[in-house]
Amino acid sequence: MPAYAGVIGGDYTGAINSPSKNIGALQNKGFEFTLNTINIDRGGLKWETGLVYTLYRNKVLELTTDNAVVDGSIGASLITRTQVDNPAGMFYGYVIEGMFNTEDDFYRKDEAGNFVLDGNGNRVLVALPVDADTISVSRVWVGDYQFRDMNGDSVINESDRTFIGNPNPKFTFGFNTRLSWKNFDLSVNLYGTVGNKSITGPG
């Protein structure tokens, strides 16, 4: 093999990286409205304002297969997932239902608030996180998050992850105004987003 073909990846002489390729199709739709005005312009005094409103929606139309996903991570934590028929980069993780505030919160209760008991008269635990390596319940205690058991199997693991928010805003806006008089001027610029989600806690 010639040196420039060499090996794939790594810090080696002649190393090459994996090739990039298009793996799908993305649709973007939206509009932007801009309004600029000159409110005053006389005697050396000028006052201008501007307003911008932007709205867009995106949707993944195609990946390599209908079931394919593109995940985004920070370290070992899965943060986002891109999937067909959804917006790109949706937050993906566990739904937080609350916190374990007391020891009693670790046990199931019926609608009347009484503890649910098994056939031996013991309290039944709520769904708790399971360590993927040891297949045993991870350490949890008062102050920890309580996650929703999405598939009803009484344990919290990777199968309970779901789409939990869209990082893309419903719309963005901007406003600017400039007031000038002879050699002096004052400018104010404001920018904001509405409707975009953020996440907290474990991915």
Protein backbone atom coordinates (compact mmCIF):
# COMPACT_ATOMS: atom_id res chain seq x y z
CA MET A 1 0.00 0.00 0.00
CA PRO A 2 1.29 3.50 -0.70
CA ALA A 3 2.10 5.62 2.36
CA TYR A 4 -0.74 8.05 1.76
CA ALA A 5 -3.31 5.23 2.04
CA GLY A 6 -1.60 3.92 5.20
CA VAL A 7 -3.88 3.11 8.13
CA ILE A 8 -7.29 4.42 9.10
CA GLY A 9 -7.35 6.86 12.02
CA GLY A 10 -4.86 7.39 14.80
CA ASP A 11 -1.69 9.44 14.99
CA TYR A 12 0.31 7.50 12.44
CA THR A 13 2.30 8.59 9.42
CA GLY A 14 0.06 8.34 6.39
CA ALA A 15 -3.10 7.91 8.49
CA ILE A 16 -6.42 8.81 6.90
CA ASN A 17 -9.76 9.55 8.51
CA SER A 18 -13.03 7.83 7.73
CA PRO A 19 -14.71 9.47 4.71
CA SER A 20 -17.65 11.82 5.20
CA LYS A 21 -20.92 11.12 3.42
CA ASN A 22 -24.47 12.42 3.17
CA ILE A 23 -26.67 10.20 5.32
CA GLY A 24 -30.04 11.84 4.93
CA ALA A 25 -32.22 14.79 3.99
CA LEU A 26 -33.43 17.72 6.09
CA GLN A 27 -36.30 20.10 5.35
CA ASN A 28 -36.27 23.70 6.62
CA LYS A 29 -39.27 25.99 6.28
CA GLY A 30 -39.85 29.46 7.67
CA PHE A 31 -39.83 33.17 7.09
CA GLU A 32 -38.22 36.35 8.38
CA PHE A 33 -39.85 39.74 8.75
CA THR A 34 -37.73 42.89 9.00
CA LEU A 35 -38.92 46.44 9.60
CA ASN A 36 -36.53 49.41 9.63
CA THR A 37 -37.76 52.94 10.28
CA ILE A 38 -36.32 56.43 10.49
CA ASN A 39 -38.48 58.16 13.05
CA ILE A 40 -36.69 61.52 13.27
CA ASP A 41 -34.11 63.06 10.95
CA ARG A 42 -33.81 66.82 11.30
CA GLY A 43 -31.57 69.43 12.87
CA GLY A 44 -28.69 66.98 13.37
CA LEU A 45 -30.93 64.64 15.38
CA LYS A 46 -31.62 61.18 13.98
CA TRP A 47 -33.58 58.33 15.52
CA GLU A 48 -33.74 54.94 13.82
CA THR A 49 -35.34 51.65 14.89
CA GLY A 50 -35.32 48.12 13.53
CA LEU A 51 -37.37 45.01 14.22
CA VAL A 52 -36.66 41.41 13.11
CA TYR A 53 -38.95 38.41 13.57
CA THR A 54 -37.85 34.94 12.44
CA LEU A 55 -39.79 31.69 12.43
CA TYR A 56 -38.60 28.36 11.06
CA ARG A 57 -39.28 24.65 11.40
CA ASN A 58 -37.02 21.77 10.42
CA LYS A 59 -37.78 18.10 9.92
CA VAL A 60 -35.60 15.09 9.14
CA LEU A 61 -37.00 13.52 5.98
CA GLU A 62 -34.55 10.72 5.42
CA LEU A 63 -31.63 8.84 7.00
CA THR A 64 -29.84 5.72 5.82
CA THR A 65 -32.85 3.68 6.97
CA ASP A 66 -36.23 4.56 8.47
CA ASN A 67 -35.07 3.28 11.87
CA ALA A 68 -31.64 4.91 11.80
CA VAL A 69 -30.72 7.49 14.44
CA VAL A 70 -27.90 10.00 14.84
CA ASP A 71 -26.96 10.52 18.49
CA GLY A 72 -25.13 13.44 20.04
CA SER A 73 -23.21 13.00 23.28
CA ILE A 74 -21.17 14.98 25.78
CA GLY A 75 -18.60 12.59 27.15
CA ALA A 76 -20.40 9.33 27.90
CA SER A 77 -23.80 11.01 28.29
CA LEU A 78 -26.31 10.79 25.45
CA ILE A 79 -27.83 14.26 24.98
CA THR A 80 -29.59 14.45 21.60
CA ARG A 81 -31.08 12.12 19.04
CA THR A 82 -31.92 12.84 15.40
CA GLN A 83 -34.57 10.61 13.85
CA VAL A 84 -36.78 10.61 10.75
CA ASP A 85 -39.98 12.69 11.06
CA ASN A 86 -38.60 14.69 14.01
CA PRO A 87 -36.69 17.99 14.20
CA ALA A 88 -32.91 17.58 14.14
CA GLY A 89 -31.07 17.35 17.45
CA MET A 90 -34.01 16.66 19.77
CA PHE A 91 -33.08 16.31 23.44
CA TYR A 92 -33.19 12.63 24.38
CA GLY A 93 -33.09 11.29 27.91
CA TYR A 94 -35.09 10.51 31.01
CA VAL A 95 -38.28 12.25 32.12
CA ILE A 96 -37.82 13.58 35.65
CA GLU A 97 -41.03 13.20 37.67
CA GLY A 98 -39.71 14.58 40.93
CA MET A 99 -37.27 13.81 43.71
CA PHE A 100 -37.01 11.29 46.50
CA ASN A 101 -37.77 13.58 49.42
CA THR A 102 -38.18 10.93 52.13
CA GLU A 103 -37.49 7.21 52.47
CA ASP A 104 -41.22 6.54 51.91
CA ASP A 105 -40.85 7.84 48.33
CA PHE A 106 -38.94 4.67 47.42
CA TYR A 107 -42.10 2.59 47.76
CA ARG A 108 -45.19 2.42 45.58
CA LYS A 109 -48.47 3.81 46.83
CA ASP A 110 -52.03 3.31 45.65
CA GLU A 111 -54.48 6.09 44.84
CA ALA A 112 -55.44 6.33 48.50
CA GLY A 113 -51.81 6.89 49.50
CA ASN A 114 -51.34 3.47 51.09
CA PHE A 115 -48.22 1.41 50.44
CA VAL A 116 -48.54 -1.31 47.81
CA LEU A 117 -47.58 -4.70 49.27
CA ASP A 118 -46.39 -7.88 47.56
CA GLY A 119 -47.62 -11.42 48.34
CA ASN A 120 -45.40 -11.57 51.41
CA GLY A 121 -46.65 -8.30 52.83
CA ASN A 122 -43.50 -6.36 51.93
CA ARG A 123 -43.54 -2.88 50.45
CA VAL A 124 -43.01 -2.77 46.68
CA LEU A 125 -40.23 -0.52 45.45
CA VAL A 126 -40.87 2.09 42.77
CA ALA A 127 -38.89 1.79 39.53
CA LEU A 128 -35.23 2.48 40.32
CA PRO A 129 -32.20 2.99 38.05
CA VAL A 130 -30.36 -0.21 37.11
CA ASP A 131 -26.60 -0.27 36.56
CA ALA A 132 -25.99 -1.59 33.04
CA ASP A 133 -22.73 -3.33 34.00
CA THR A 134 -23.85 -5.18 37.14
CA ILE A 135 -27.57 -5.45 36.29
CA SER A 136 -28.31 -4.38 39.85
CA VAL A 137 -30.08 -1.37 41.34
CA SER A 138 -27.78 1.66 41.42
CA ARG A 139 -27.34 3.60 44.63
CA VAL A 140 -30.10 6.17 45.04
CA TRP A 141 -31.15 8.09 48.11
CA VAL A 142 -33.10 11.08 49.35
CA GLY A 143 -32.38 14.08 47.12
CA ASP A 144 -31.92 12.02 43.94
CA TYR A 145 -34.14 12.43 40.88
CA GLN A 146 -37.08 10.11 40.32
CA PHE A 147 -37.45 9.09 36.67
CA ARG A 148 -40.53 7.94 34.78
CA ASP A 149 -40.78 4.22 33.98
CA MET A 150 -41.69 4.64 30.31
CA ASN A 151 -42.14 0.94 29.46
CA GLY A 152 -43.58 -0.22 32.79
CA ASP A 153 -40.96 -2.89 33.51
CA SER A 154 -40.33 -1.58 37.07
CA VAL A 155 -36.70 -0.63 36.40
CA ILE A 156 -35.12 2.53 35.02
CA ASN A 157 -32.60 1.81 32.27
CA GLU A 158 -31.75 2.94 28.74
CA SER A 159 -35.13 1.63 27.49
CA ASP A 160 -36.83 4.43 29.41
CA ARG A 161 -35.17 7.22 27.46
CA THR A 162 -37.43 9.27 25.22
CA PHE A 163 -37.59 12.60 23.41
CA ILE A 164 -37.81 15.28 26.10
CA GLY A 165 -37.57 18.60 24.28
CA ASN A 166 -36.83 20.58 21.15
CA PRO A 167 -33.78 22.86 21.36
CA ASN A 168 -34.99 24.85 18.35
CA PRO A 169 -36.98 27.99 19.27
CA LYS A 170 -40.56 28.55 18.15
CA PHE A 171 -39.43 31.98 17.00
CA THR A 172 -36.67 34.51 17.49
CA PHE A 173 -36.86 38.29 17.56
CA GLY A 174 -34.56 41.26 17.58
CA PHE A 175 -34.98 44.96 18.24
CA ASN A 176 -32.50 47.76 17.80
CA THR A 177 -32.71 51.51 18.14
CA ARG A 178 -30.13 54.20 17.46
CA LEU A 179 -30.28 57.83 18.53
CA SER A 180 -27.63 60.21 17.23
CA TRP A 181 -27.08 63.94 17.57
CA LYS A 182 -24.10 65.56 15.89
CA ASN A 183 -21.02 63.61 17.12
CA PHE A 184 -22.86 61.64 19.82
CA ASP A 185 -24.90 58.49 19.43
CA LEU A 186 -26.60 55.84 21.59
CA SER A 187 -27.48 52.33 20.38
CA VAL A 188 -29.53 49.58 22.02
CA ASN A 189 -29.77 46.03 20.65
CA LEU A 190 -32.02 43.32 22.04
CA TYR A 191 -32.28 39.68 20.91
CA GLY A 192 -34.43 36.85 22.21
CA THR A 193 -35.70 33.34 21.57
CA VAL A 194 -39.03 31.84 22.60
CA GLY A 195 -40.09 28.22 23.01
CA ASN A 196 -36.73 26.42 22.89
CA LYS A 197 -36.19 23.81 25.57
CA SER A 198 -33.21 23.19 27.82
CA ILE A 199 -32.44 20.14 29.91
CA THR A 200 -30.93 19.51 33.30
CA GLY A 201 -29.75 16.51 35.22
CA PRO A 202 -28.28 13.32 33.77
CA GLY A 203 -28.48 12.69 30.00
